[in-house]
Amino acid sequence: MSNAVEQVLKPKLAVEIAGLKLKNPIMPASGTFGYGEEYSPYIDLNQLGAIVTKGMSLNPKAGNNTPRICETVSGMLNAIGLQNVGVDAFIKDKMAFLSQYDTPVIVNFFGNTQEEYGEVAARLDDVPGVAALEMNISCPNVKHGGIVFGTDPQAAAAVVTSVRKRTTKPLIVKLTPNVTDIQILARATEEAGADALSLINTLTGMAVDIKTRKPRLANTIGGLSGPAIRPVAVRLVHQVVQAVKVPVIGIGGITCAADALEFLIVGAKAVQVGTANFVNPDAMATIIADLEKFCVEEGIADINDLIGTLEL
């Protein structure tokens, strides 16, 4: 049997993002996979392209009051409030478990000020086993009237610049869709030092209980995720790929291999799976297997040959 035939029978799924070599382009979205350990009874973490943790803050956060989550048509709303153990406890109590796997660990993090962002990044910089950082800029800048860093290109660039000085790790910046022109935001963060971009974060939404006439979330407003947002996410990823040179990771409503393929075809180098993990804890394993099957059926020896092949 020729090498070419063998390659098609076992296609190459490995991709590279900002120097990170991933076995395949599938990873969890931050906040949907805990610290990895919670899902380990249901899915082999060694199968994943990467593990993306819950968002880390400088100090522990208890999160918002309940109810913090509710189902919507083809999706869900959440207002967890970025609950987490804090960066020091994460390093002390969570990294040992993650380090036993042959899978890159990407630590998502955030802050309320530029200084907090920089300090969290600095504390993670020398931690063995942390392969990259993913920076959530969908957070209020408390020093400037609560404006969300990620909705203002200047504020976004400033905080990315600040973090870039505090870490040598590959820096992925996660973008919010709740902006007028995401290409402007993407270019601003790229120029400030982002090595890659991930998008989209959740869309802002709200649901009302018609019997009680009260919001279904204690926080009133939450983040909408799930299949309902996928067409929006695919469009925004397509637009950002056209605007920047750094690699893009697609996020939004991926539940199966076909969904992931949409993002790859429009130019994403990898994807993150979020809400689907709540429905089916081993959803990503199925997606990886079905990606391989698709490549075999289509005669694609290397998934990189499929990335960015959108025909207009």
C-alpha atoms as a PDB file:
ATOM      1  CA  MET A   1       0.000   0.000   0.000  1.00  0.00           C
ATOM      2  CA  SER A   2       1.398   3.408  -0.958  1.00  0.00           C
ATOM      3  CA  ASN A   3       2.155   6.137   1.574  1.00  0.00           C
ATOM      4  CA  ALA A   4      -0.476   8.386  -0.039  1.00  0.00           C
ATOM      5  CA  VAL A   5      -3.191   5.776   0.474  1.00  0.00           C
ATOM      6  CA  GLU A   6      -2.073   5.212   4.069  1.00  0.00           C
ATOM      7  CA  GLN A   7      -2.266   8.966   4.733  1.00  0.00           C
ATOM      8  CA  VAL A   8      -5.841   9.123   3.489  1.00  0.00           C
ATOM      9  CA  LEU A   9      -6.754   6.073   5.575  1.00  0.00           C
ATOM     10  CA  LYS A  10      -5.292   7.826   8.631  1.00  0.00           C
ATOM     11  CA  PRO A  11      -5.449  11.540   7.841  1.00  0.00           C
ATOM     12  CA  LYS A  12      -3.271  14.055   9.633  1.00  0.00           C
ATOM     13  CA  LEU A  13      -5.361  16.138  12.036  1.00  0.00           C
ATOM     14  CA  ALA A  14      -2.472  17.991  13.715  1.00  0.00           C
ATOM     15  CA  VAL A  15      -2.465  21.799  13.547  1.00  0.00           C
ATOM     16  CA  GLU A  16      -0.174  24.520  14.883  1.00  0.00           C
ATOM     17  CA  ILE A  17      -1.231  27.775  16.525  1.00  0.00           C
ATOM     18  CA  ALA A  18       1.288  30.382  17.681  1.00  0.00           C
ATOM     19  CA  GLY A  19       3.975  27.724  18.019  1.00  0.00           C
ATOM     20  CA  LEU A  20       1.648  25.303  19.825  1.00  0.00           C
ATOM     21  CA  LYS A  21       1.505  21.877  18.206  1.00  0.00           C
ATOM     22  CA  LEU A  22      -1.935  20.310  18.671  1.00  0.00           C
ATOM     23  CA  LYS A  23      -2.851  16.680  17.836  1.00  0.00           C
ATOM     24  CA  ASN A  24      -6.090  17.921  16.314  1.00  0.00           C
ATOM     25  CA  PRO A  25      -8.017  21.215  16.127  1.00  0.00           C
ATOM     26  CA  ILE A  26     -10.553  20.395  18.875  1.00  0.00           C
ATOM     27  CA  MET A  27     -10.474  21.876  22.394  1.00  0.00           C
ATOM     28  CA  PRO A  28     -13.046  22.908  25.009  1.00  0.00           C
ATOM     29  CA  ALA A  29     -14.205  26.481  25.397  1.00  0.00           C
ATOM     30  CA  SER A  30     -13.270  28.163  28.659  1.00  0.00           C
ATOM     31  CA  GLY A  31     -15.903  27.913  31.359  1.00  0.00           C
ATOM     32  CA  THR A  32     -17.528  24.787  29.928  1.00  0.00           C
ATOM     33  CA  PHE A  33     -14.934  22.213  30.981  1.00  0.00           C
ATOM     34  CA  GLY A  34     -14.079  23.172  34.549  1.00  0.00           C
ATOM     35  CA  TYR A  35     -10.382  22.618  35.263  1.00  0.00           C
ATOM     36  CA  GLY A  36     -10.332  19.459  33.130  1.00  0.00           C
ATOM     37  CA  GLU A  37     -10.528  17.018  36.032  1.00  0.00           C
ATOM     38  CA  GLU A  38     -14.323  17.254  36.176  1.00  0.00           C
ATOM     39  CA  TYR A  39     -14.636  15.753  32.682  1.00  0.00           C
ATOM     40  CA  SER A  40     -11.843  13.169  32.977  1.00  0.00           C
ATOM     41  CA  PRO A  41     -14.244  10.314  33.922  1.00  0.00           C
ATOM     42  CA  TYR A  42     -16.137  10.864  30.649  1.00  0.00           C
ATOM     43  CA  ILE A  43     -13.496  11.683  28.049  1.00  0.00           C
ATOM     44  CA  ASP A  44      -9.826  10.855  27.612  1.00  0.00           C
ATOM     45  CA  LEU A  45      -8.098  14.231  27.917  1.00  0.00           C
ATOM     46  CA  ASN A  46      -5.207  12.869  25.850  1.00  0.00           C
ATOM     47  CA  GLN A  47      -7.532  12.784  22.845  1.00  0.00           C
ATOM     48  CA  LEU A  48      -7.983  16.561  22.805  1.00  0.00           C
ATOM     49  CA  GLY A  49      -5.993  19.083  20.810  1.00  0.00           C
ATOM     50  CA  ALA A  50      -5.698  21.214  23.953  1.00  0.00           C
ATOM     51  CA  ILE A  51      -7.367  21.723  27.318  1.00  0.00           C
ATOM     52  CA  VAL A  52      -8.699  25.224  28.014  1.00  0.00           C
ATOM     53  CA  THR A  53      -9.394  25.968  31.672  1.00  0.00           C
ATOM     54  CA  LYS A  54     -11.996  28.082  33.406  1.00  0.00           C
ATOM     55  CA  GLY A  55     -11.057  31.750  33.577  1.00  0.00           C
ATOM     56  CA  MET A  56      -8.530  32.583  36.300  1.00  0.00           C
ATOM     57  CA  SER A  57      -8.542  35.834  38.260  1.00  0.00           C
ATOM     58  CA  LEU A  58      -5.972  37.268  40.660  1.00  0.00           C
ATOM     59  CA  ASN A  59      -8.184  36.443  43.648  1.00  0.00           C
ATOM     60  CA  PRO A  60     -10.910  33.784  44.053  1.00  0.00           C
ATOM     61  CA  LYS A  61     -14.382  34.738  42.841  1.00  0.00           C
ATOM     62  CA  ALA A  62     -17.663  33.327  44.133  1.00  0.00           C
ATOM     63  CA  GLY A  63     -19.589  34.315  41.025  1.00  0.00           C
ATOM     64  CA  ASN A  64     -23.149  35.572  40.712  1.00  0.00           C
ATOM     65  CA  ASN A  65     -26.249  34.606  42.669  1.00  0.00           C
ATOM     66  CA  THR A  66     -28.428  31.777  41.376  1.00  0.00           C
ATOM     67  CA  PRO A  67     -30.183  31.075  39.083  1.00  0.00           C
ATOM     68  CA  ARG A  68     -27.113  31.519  36.890  1.00  0.00           C
ATOM     69  CA  ILE A  69     -28.083  29.412  33.887  1.00  0.00           C
ATOM     70  CA  CYS A  70     -31.185  28.740  31.818  1.00  0.00           C
ATOM     71  CA  GLU A  71     -32.031  26.965  28.588  1.00  0.00           C
ATOM     72  CA  THR A  72     -33.169  28.903  25.533  1.00  0.00           C
ATOM     73  CA  VAL A  73     -34.225  27.886  22.045  1.00  0.00           C
ATOM     74  CA  SER A  74     -31.193  26.061  20.560  1.00  0.00           C
ATOM     75  CA  GLY A  75     -28.918  27.409  23.263  1.00  0.00           C
ATOM     76  CA  MET A  76     -28.500  28.599  26.801  1.00  0.00           C
ATOM     77  CA  LEU A  77     -27.947  31.742  28.803  1.00  0.00           C
ATOM     78  CA  ASN A  78     -25.406  31.891  31.592  1.00  0.00           C
ATOM     79  CA  ALA A  79     -24.342  34.492  34.119  1.00  0.00           C
ATOM     80  CA  ILE A  80     -21.963  32.424  36.231  1.00  0.00           C
ATOM     81  CA  GLY A  81     -19.946  35.507  37.071  1.00  0.00           C
ATOM     82  CA  LEU A  82     -16.520  33.976  36.310  1.00  0.00           C
ATOM     83  CA  GLN A  83     -16.453  31.890  39.487  1.00  0.00           C
ATOM     84  CA  ASN A  84     -12.980  30.444  40.030  1.00  0.00           C
ATOM     85  CA  VAL A  85     -10.473  29.412  42.696  1.00  0.00           C
ATOM     86  CA  GLY A  86      -8.001  32.192  41.892  1.00  0.00           C
ATOM     87  CA  VAL A  87      -4.682  31.892  40.078  1.00  0.00           C
ATOM     88  CA  ASP A  88      -2.552  30.859  43.071  1.00  0.00           C
ATOM     89  CA  ALA A  89      -4.898  28.030  44.084  1.00  0.00           C
ATOM     90  CA  PHE A  90      -5.089  26.940  40.454  1.00  0.00           C
ATOM     91  CA  ILE A  91      -1.299  26.669  40.239  1.00  0.00           C
ATOM     92  CA  LYS A  92      -1.099  24.862  43.598  1.00  0.00           C
ATOM     93  CA  ASP A  93      -4.113  22.557  43.389  1.00  0.00           C
ATOM     94  CA  LYS A  94      -5.086  22.065  39.731  1.00  0.00           C
ATOM     95  CA  MET A  95      -1.963  22.031  37.569  1.00  0.00           C
ATOM     96  CA  ALA A  96      -0.567  18.767  38.929  1.00  0.00           C
ATOM     97  CA  PHE A  97      -3.581  16.892  37.593  1.00  0.00           C
ATOM     98  CA  LEU A  98      -3.433  18.576  34.187  1.00  0.00           C
ATOM     99  CA  SER A  99       0.317  18.037  33.850  1.00  0.00           C
ATOM    100  CA  GLN A 100      -0.065  14.254  33.695  1.00  0.00           C
ATOM    101  CA  TYR A 101      -1.640  14.483  30.241  1.00  0.00           C
ATOM    102  CA  ASP A 102       0.105  14.761  26.891  1.00  0.00           C
ATOM    103  CA  THR A 103      -2.155  17.645  25.936  1.00  0.00           C
ATOM    104  CA  PRO A 104      -1.249  21.351  25.918  1.00  0.00           C
ATOM    105  CA  VAL A 105      -2.924  23.344  28.700  1.00  0.00           C
ATOM    106  CA  ILE A 106      -4.220  26.790  27.774  1.00  0.00           C
ATOM    107  CA  VAL A 107      -5.120  28.857  30.835  1.00  0.00           C
ATOM    108  CA  ASN A 108      -7.883  31.395  30.340  1.00  0.00           C
ATOM    109  CA  PHE A 109      -7.579  34.471  32.561  1.00  0.00           C
ATOM    110  CA  PHE A 110      -9.060  37.910  33.183  1.00  0.00           C
ATOM    111  CA  GLY A 111      -8.857  40.966  35.414  1.00  0.00           C
ATOM    112  CA  ASN A 112     -10.747  44.087  36.420  1.00  0.00           C
ATOM    113  CA  THR A 113      -7.808  46.386  35.667  1.00  0.00           C
ATOM    114  CA  GLN A 114      -4.754  46.367  33.419  1.00  0.00           C
ATOM    115  CA  GLU A 115      -2.626  45.736  36.488  1.00  0.00           C
ATOM    116  CA  GLU A 116      -4.655  42.669  37.468  1.00  0.00           C
ATOM    117  CA  TYR A 117      -4.448  41.217  33.960  1.00  0.00           C
ATOM    118  CA  GLY A 118      -0.690  41.694  33.958  1.00  0.00           C
ATOM    119  CA  GLU A 119      -0.205  40.189  37.409  1.00  0.00           C
ATOM    120  CA  VAL A 120      -2.212  37.040  36.615  1.00  0.00           C
ATOM    121  CA  ALA A 121      -0.248  36.568  33.386  1.00  0.00           C
ATOM    122  CA  ALA A 122       3.044  37.036  35.226  1.00  0.00           C
ATOM    123  CA  ARG A 123       2.160  34.428  37.874  1.00  0.00           C
ATOM    124  CA  LEU A 124       1.319  31.887  35.158  1.00  0.00           C
ATOM    125  CA  ASP A 125       4.389  32.656  33.065  1.00  0.00           C
ATOM    126  CA  ASP A 126       6.825  30.307  34.815  1.00  0.00           C
ATOM    127  CA  VAL A 127       4.372  27.513  35.616  1.00  0.00           C
ATOM    128  CA  PRO A 128       5.515  24.198  34.088  1.00  0.00           C
ATOM    129  CA  GLY A 129       2.828  22.652  31.915  1.00  0.00           C
ATOM    130  CA  VAL A 130       1.107  25.904  30.973  1.00  0.00           C
ATOM    131  CA  ALA A 131       1.467  25.961  27.199  1.00  0.00           C
ATOM    132  CA  ALA A 132      -0.345  29.228  26.451  1.00  0.00           C
ATOM    133  CA  LEU A 133      -2.611  31.883  27.914  1.00  0.00           C
ATOM    134  CA  GLU A 134      -6.050  32.870  26.652  1.00  0.00           C
ATOM    135  CA  MET A 135      -7.008  36.382  27.656  1.00  0.00           C
ATOM    136  CA  ASN A 136     -10.703  37.139  28.192  1.00  0.00           C
ATOM    137  CA  ILE A 137     -11.136  40.862  27.488  1.00  0.00           C
ATOM    138  CA  SER A 138     -14.929  40.812  27.932  1.00  0.00           C
ATOM    139  CA  CYS A 139     -14.533  42.276  31.422  1.00  0.00           C
ATOM    140  CA  PRO A 140     -15.315  45.735  32.843  1.00  0.00           C
ATOM    141  CA  ASN A 141     -12.455  48.191  33.296  1.00  0.00           C
ATOM    142  CA  VAL A 142     -13.378  49.378  36.774  1.00  0.00           C
ATOM    143  CA  LYS A 143     -11.021  52.363  36.579  1.00  0.00           C
ATOM    144  CA  HIS A 144     -12.796  53.756  33.532  1.00  0.00           C
ATOM    145  CA  GLY A 145     -16.495  53.758  34.330  1.00  0.00           C
ATOM    146  CA  GLY A 146     -16.980  50.021  33.871  1.00  0.00           C
ATOM    147  CA  ILE A 147     -16.359  50.037  30.107  1.00  0.00           C
ATOM    148  CA  VAL A 148     -15.686  46.501  28.852  1.00  0.00           C
ATOM    149  CA  PHE A 149     -12.069  46.237  27.654  1.00  0.00           C
ATOM    150  CA  GLY A 150     -13.075  44.187  24.645  1.00  0.00           C
ATOM    151  CA  THR A 151     -15.618  46.610  23.212  1.00  0.00           C
ATOM    152  CA  ASP A 152     -13.209  49.523  22.863  1.00  0.00           C
ATOM    153  CA  PRO A 153     -10.235  49.008  20.494  1.00  0.00           C
ATOM    154  CA  GLN A 154      -8.002  51.435  22.397  1.00  0.00           C
ATOM    155  CA  ALA A 155      -8.773  49.859  25.770  1.00  0.00           C
ATOM    156  CA  ALA A 156      -8.307  46.380  24.294  1.00  0.00           C
ATOM    157  CA  ALA A 157      -4.950  47.307  22.763  1.00  0.00           C
ATOM    158  CA  ALA A 158      -3.775  48.904  26.012  1.00  0.00           C
ATOM    159  CA  VAL A 159      -4.548  45.858  28.165  1.00  0.00           C
ATOM    160  CA  VAL A 160      -3.043  43.437  25.624  1.00  0.00           C
ATOM    161  CA  THR A 161       0.112  45.570  25.470  1.00  0.00           C
ATOM    162  CA  SER A 162       0.282  45.505  29.269  1.00  0.00           C
ATOM    163  CA  VAL A 163      -0.044  41.704  29.407  1.00  0.00           C
ATOM    164  CA  ARG A 164       2.380  41.142  26.545  1.00  0.00           C
ATOM    165  CA  LYS A 165       5.118  42.711  28.691  1.00  0.00           C
ATOM    166  CA  ARG A 166       4.436  40.293  31.565  1.00  0.00           C
ATOM    167  CA  THR A 167       4.482  36.925  29.786  1.00  0.00           C
ATOM    168  CA  THR A 168       6.587  34.979  27.319  1.00  0.00           C
ATOM    169  CA  LYS A 169       3.809  32.423  26.741  1.00  0.00           C
ATOM    170  CA  PRO A 170       1.851  32.396  23.486  1.00  0.00           C
ATOM    171  CA  LEU A 171      -0.984  34.880  24.056  1.00  0.00           C
ATOM    172  CA  ILE A 172      -4.445  34.189  22.651  1.00  0.00           C
ATOM    173  CA  VAL A 173      -6.935  37.061  22.942  1.00  0.00           C
ATOM    174  CA  LYS A 174     -10.618  36.081  23.129  1.00  0.00           C
ATOM    175  CA  LEU A 175     -12.893  38.571  21.397  1.00  0.00           C
ATOM    176  CA  THR A 176     -16.449  39.571  22.195  1.00  0.00           C
ATOM    177  CA  PRO A 177     -19.055  39.710  19.398  1.00  0.00           C
ATOM    178  CA  ASN A 178     -20.845  42.588  21.127  1.00  0.00           C
ATOM    179  CA  VAL A 179     -19.166  45.283  19.029  1.00  0.00           C
ATOM    180  CA  THR A 180     -19.976  47.298  15.911  1.00  0.00           C
ATOM    181  CA  ASP A 181     -16.908  46.264  13.884  1.00  0.00           C
ATOM    182  CA  ILE A 182     -14.988  43.209  15.071  1.00  0.00           C
ATOM    183  CA  GLN A 183     -12.287  43.668  12.419  1.00  0.00           C
ATOM    184  CA  ILE A 184     -11.146  46.931  14.034  1.00  0.00           C
ATOM    185  CA  LEU A 185     -10.946  45.195  17.415  1.00  0.00           C
ATOM    186  CA  ALA A 186      -9.098  42.220  15.937  1.00  0.00           C
ATOM    187  CA  ARG A 187      -6.472  44.384  14.250  1.00  0.00           C
ATOM    188  CA  ALA A 188      -5.985  46.457  17.421  1.00  0.00           C
ATOM    189  CA  THR A 189      -5.301  43.375  19.549  1.00  0.00           C
ATOM    190  CA  GLU A 190      -3.039  41.834  16.893  1.00  0.00           C
ATOM    191  CA  GLU A 191      -0.948  45.005  16.695  1.00  0.00           C
ATOM    192  CA  ALA A 192      -0.759  45.097  20.524  1.00  0.00           C
ATOM    193  CA  GLY A 193       0.895  41.684  20.638  1.00  0.00           C
ATOM    194  CA  ALA A 194      -1.707  38.906  20.388  1.00  0.00           C
ATOM    195  CA  ASP A 195      -0.208  35.706  18.950  1.00  0.00           C
ATOM    196  CA  ALA A 196      -3.666  34.333  18.109  1.00  0.00           C
ATOM    197  CA  LEU A 197      -7.324  35.307  18.456  1.00  0.00           C
ATOM    198  CA  SER A 198     -10.259  33.210  19.652  1.00  0.00           C
ATOM    199  CA  LEU A 199     -13.863  34.126  18.887  1.00  0.00           C
ATOM    200  CA  ILE A 200     -16.627  34.473  19.615  1.00  0.00           C
ATOM    201  CA  ASN A 201     -17.376  34.900  23.274  1.00  0.00           C
ATOM    202  CA  THR A 202     -21.080  34.794  24.132  1.00  0.00           C
ATOM    203  CA  LEU A 203     -23.668  37.193  22.758  1.00  0.00           C
ATOM    204  CA  THR A 204     -25.454  39.301  25.372  1.00  0.00           C
ATOM    205  CA  GLY A 205     -28.991  38.055  26.003  1.00  0.00           C
ATOM    206  CA  MET A 206     -31.922  37.957  28.386  1.00  0.00           C
ATOM    207  CA  ALA A 207     -34.903  35.715  29.129  1.00  0.00           C
ATOM    208  CA  VAL A 208     -38.068  36.384  31.132  1.00  0.00           C
ATOM    209  CA  ASP A 209     -40.297  34.015  33.129  1.00  0.00           C
ATOM    210  CA  ILE A 210     -43.748  35.021  31.894  1.00  0.00           C
ATOM    211  CA  LYS A 211     -45.496  33.668  35.011  1.00  0.00           C
ATOM    212  CA  THR A 212     -43.418  35.528  37.591  1.00  0.00           C
ATOM    213  CA  ARG A 213     -42.555  38.383  35.188  1.00  0.00           C
ATOM    214  CA  LYS A 214     -39.006  38.228  36.444  1.00  0.00           C
ATOM    215  CA  PRO A 215     -35.750  37.633  34.604  1.00  0.00           C
ATOM    216  CA  ARG A 216     -34.829  33.945  34.426  1.00  0.00           C
ATOM    217  CA  LEU A 217     -31.302  34.836  35.555  1.00  0.00           C
ATOM    218  CA  ALA A 218     -30.598  36.490  38.904  1.00  0.00           C
ATOM    219  CA  ASN A 219     -28.141  38.739  37.059  1.00  0.00           C
ATOM    220  CA  THR A 220     -30.948  39.704  34.588  1.00  0.00           C
ATOM    221  CA  ILE A 221     -28.558  39.629  31.602  1.00  0.00           C
ATOM    222  CA  GLY A 222     -26.313  36.745  30.573  1.00  0.00           C
ATOM    223  CA  GLY A 223     -24.263  35.288  27.762  1.00  0.00           C
ATOM    224  CA  LEU A 224     -26.026  33.375  25.000  1.00  0.00           C
ATOM    225  CA  SER A 225     -24.249  30.304  23.632  1.00  0.00           C
ATOM    226  CA  GLY A 226     -25.117  27.133  21.752  1.00  0.00           C
ATOM    227  CA  PRO A 227     -26.238  26.298  18.186  1.00  0.00           C
ATOM    228  CA  ALA A 228     -28.375  29.449  17.974  1.00  0.00           C
ATOM    229  CA  ILE A 229     -25.269  31.635  17.707  1.00  0.00           C
ATOM    230  CA  ARG A 230     -23.252  29.526  15.268  1.00  0.00           C
ATOM    231  CA  PRO A 231     -24.139  31.400  12.042  1.00  0.00           C
ATOM    232  CA  VAL A 232     -23.168  34.673  13.745  1.00  0.00           C
ATOM    233  CA  ALA A 233     -19.908  33.145  14.946  1.00  0.00           C
ATOM    234  CA  VAL A 234     -19.026  31.719  11.524  1.00  0.00           C
ATOM    235  CA  ARG A 235     -19.607  35.130   9.945  1.00  0.00           C
ATOM    236  CA  LEU A 236     -17.439  36.926  12.493  1.00  0.00           C
ATOM    237  CA  VAL A 237     -14.625  34.369  12.249  1.00  0.00           C
ATOM    238  CA  HIS A 238     -14.706  34.740   8.460  1.00  0.00           C
ATOM    239  CA  GLN A 239     -14.420  38.525   8.788  1.00  0.00           C
ATOM    240  CA  VAL A 240     -11.576  38.373  11.323  1.00  0.00           C
ATOM    241  CA  VAL A 241      -9.593  35.880   9.242  1.00  0.00           C
ATOM    242  CA  GLN A 242      -9.663  38.454   6.423  1.00  0.00           C
ATOM    243  CA  ALA A 243      -8.453  41.218   8.750  1.00  0.00           C
ATOM    244  CA  VAL A 244      -5.462  39.683  10.584  1.00  0.00           C
ATOM    245  CA  LYS A 245      -2.365  37.580   9.948  1.00  0.00           C
ATOM    246  CA  VAL A 246      -2.348  35.722  13.290  1.00  0.00           C
ATOM    247  CA  PRO A 247      -4.183  32.386  13.585  1.00  0.00           C
ATOM    248  CA  VAL A 248      -7.842  32.379  14.582  1.00  0.00           C
ATOM    249  CA  ILE A 249      -9.654  29.857  16.805  1.00  0.00           C
ATOM    250  CA  GLY A 250     -13.388  29.588  16.087  1.00  0.00           C
ATOM    251  CA  ILE A 251     -15.984  29.289  18.846  1.00  0.00           C
ATOM    252  CA  GLY A 252     -19.768  29.256  18.832  1.00  0.00           C
ATOM    253  CA  GLY A 253     -22.415  26.549  18.821  1.00  0.00           C
ATOM    254  CA  ILE A 254     -20.271  23.630  17.652  1.00  0.00           C
ATOM    255  CA  THR A 255     -22.005  20.333  18.404  1.00  0.00           C
ATOM    256  CA  CYS A 256     -20.708  18.035  15.646  1.00  0.00           C
ATOM    257  CA  ALA A 257     -17.923  17.646  13.091  1.00  0.00           C
ATOM    258  CA  ALA A 258     -19.931  19.428  10.392  1.00  0.00           C
ATOM    259  CA  ASP A 259     -20.177  22.501  12.628  1.00  0.00           C
ATOM    260  CA  ALA A 260     -16.434  22.457  13.280  1.00  0.00           C
ATOM    261  CA  LEU A 261     -15.745  22.095   9.558  1.00  0.00           C
ATOM    262  CA  GLU A 262     -17.642  25.308   8.802  1.00  0.00           C
ATOM    263  CA  PHE A 263     -15.206  27.245  10.973  1.00  0.00           C
ATOM    264  CA  LEU A 264     -12.167  25.504   9.502  1.00  0.00           C
ATOM    265  CA  ILE A 265     -13.304  26.122   5.938  1.00  0.00           C
ATOM    266  CA  VAL A 266     -13.723  29.864   6.575  1.00  0.00           C
ATOM    267  CA  GLY A 267     -10.165  29.959   7.919  1.00  0.00           C
ATOM    268  CA  ALA A 268     -10.100  29.060  11.628  1.00  0.00           C
ATOM    269  CA  LYS A 269      -7.017  26.958  12.471  1.00  0.00           C
ATOM    270  CA  ALA A 270      -8.796  25.263  15.384  1.00  0.00           C
ATOM    271  CA  VAL A 271     -12.114  25.384  17.230  1.00  0.00           C
ATOM    272  CA  GLN A 272     -13.447  25.334  20.767  1.00  0.00           C
ATOM    273  CA  VAL A 273     -16.495  23.331  21.854  1.00  0.00           C
ATOM    274  CA  GLY A 274     -18.573  24.794  24.679  1.00  0.00           C
ATOM    275  CA  THR A 275     -22.274  24.255  25.311  1.00  0.00           C
ATOM    276  CA  ALA A 276     -22.186  20.791  23.691  1.00  0.00           C
ATOM    277  CA  ASN A 277     -20.068  19.560  26.616  1.00  0.00           C
ATOM    278  CA  PHE A 278     -23.043  20.077  28.945  1.00  0.00           C
ATOM    279  CA  VAL A 279     -25.296  18.015  26.699  1.00  0.00           C
ATOM    280  CA  ASN A 280     -22.799  15.257  25.953  1.00  0.00           C
ATOM    281  CA  PRO A 281     -19.611  15.112  28.068  1.00  0.00           C
ATOM    282  CA  ASP A 282     -17.697  13.215  25.372  1.00  0.00           C
ATOM    283  CA  ALA A 283     -18.929  15.387  22.493  1.00  0.00           C
ATOM    284  CA  MET A 284     -15.378  16.382  21.549  1.00  0.00           C
ATOM    285  CA  ALA A 285     -14.253  12.747  21.184  1.00  0.00           C
ATOM    286  CA  THR A 286     -17.106  12.166  18.739  1.00  0.00           C
ATOM    287  CA  ILE A 287     -16.246  15.332  16.817  1.00  0.00           C
ATOM    288  CA  ILE A 288     -12.583  14.281  16.505  1.00  0.00           C
ATOM    289  CA  ALA A 289     -13.535  10.808  15.259  1.00  0.00           C
ATOM    290  CA  ASP A 290     -16.023  12.251  12.770  1.00  0.00           C
ATOM    291  CA  LEU A 291     -13.492  14.812  11.499  1.00  0.00           C
ATOM    292  CA  GLU A 292     -11.145  11.945  10.720  1.00  0.00           C
ATOM    293  CA  LYS A 293     -13.966  10.051   9.011  1.00  0.00           C
ATOM    294  CA  PHE A 294     -14.860  13.105   6.911  1.00  0.00           C
ATOM    295  CA  CYS A 295     -11.259  13.492   5.760  1.00  0.00           C
ATOM    296  CA  VAL A 296     -11.103   9.831   4.748  1.00  0.00           C
ATOM    297  CA  GLU A 297     -14.378  10.086   2.819  1.00  0.00           C
ATOM    298  CA  GLU A 298     -13.261  13.271   1.051  1.00  0.00           C
ATOM    299  CA  GLY A 299      -9.738  12.032   0.350  1.00  0.00           C
ATOM    300  CA  ILE A 300      -8.136  14.732   2.512  1.00  0.00           C
ATOM    301  CA  ALA A 301      -4.739  13.559   3.782  1.00  0.00           C
ATOM    302  CA  ASP A 302      -4.089  16.618   5.980  1.00  0.00           C
ATOM    303  CA  ILE A 303      -6.761  18.743   7.638  1.00  0.00           C
ATOM    304  CA  ASN A 304      -4.602  21.814   7.031  1.00  0.00           C
ATOM    305  CA  ASP A 305      -5.395  21.397   3.325  1.00  0.00           C
ATOM    306  CA  LEU A 306      -9.036  22.108   4.198  1.00  0.00           C
ATOM    307  CA  ILE A 307      -8.456  25.210   6.334  1.00  0.00           C
ATOM    308  CA  GLY A 308      -9.367  28.466   4.575  1.00  0.00           C
ATOM    309  CA  THR A 309     -10.748  26.788   1.453  1.00  0.00           C
ATOM    310  CA  LEU A 310     -13.986  28.792   1.351  1.00  0.00           C
ATOM    311  CA  GLU A 311     -15.007  29.499  -2.239  1.00  0.00           C
ATOM    312  CA  LEU A 312     -16.742  32.813  -2.836  1.00  0.00           C
END
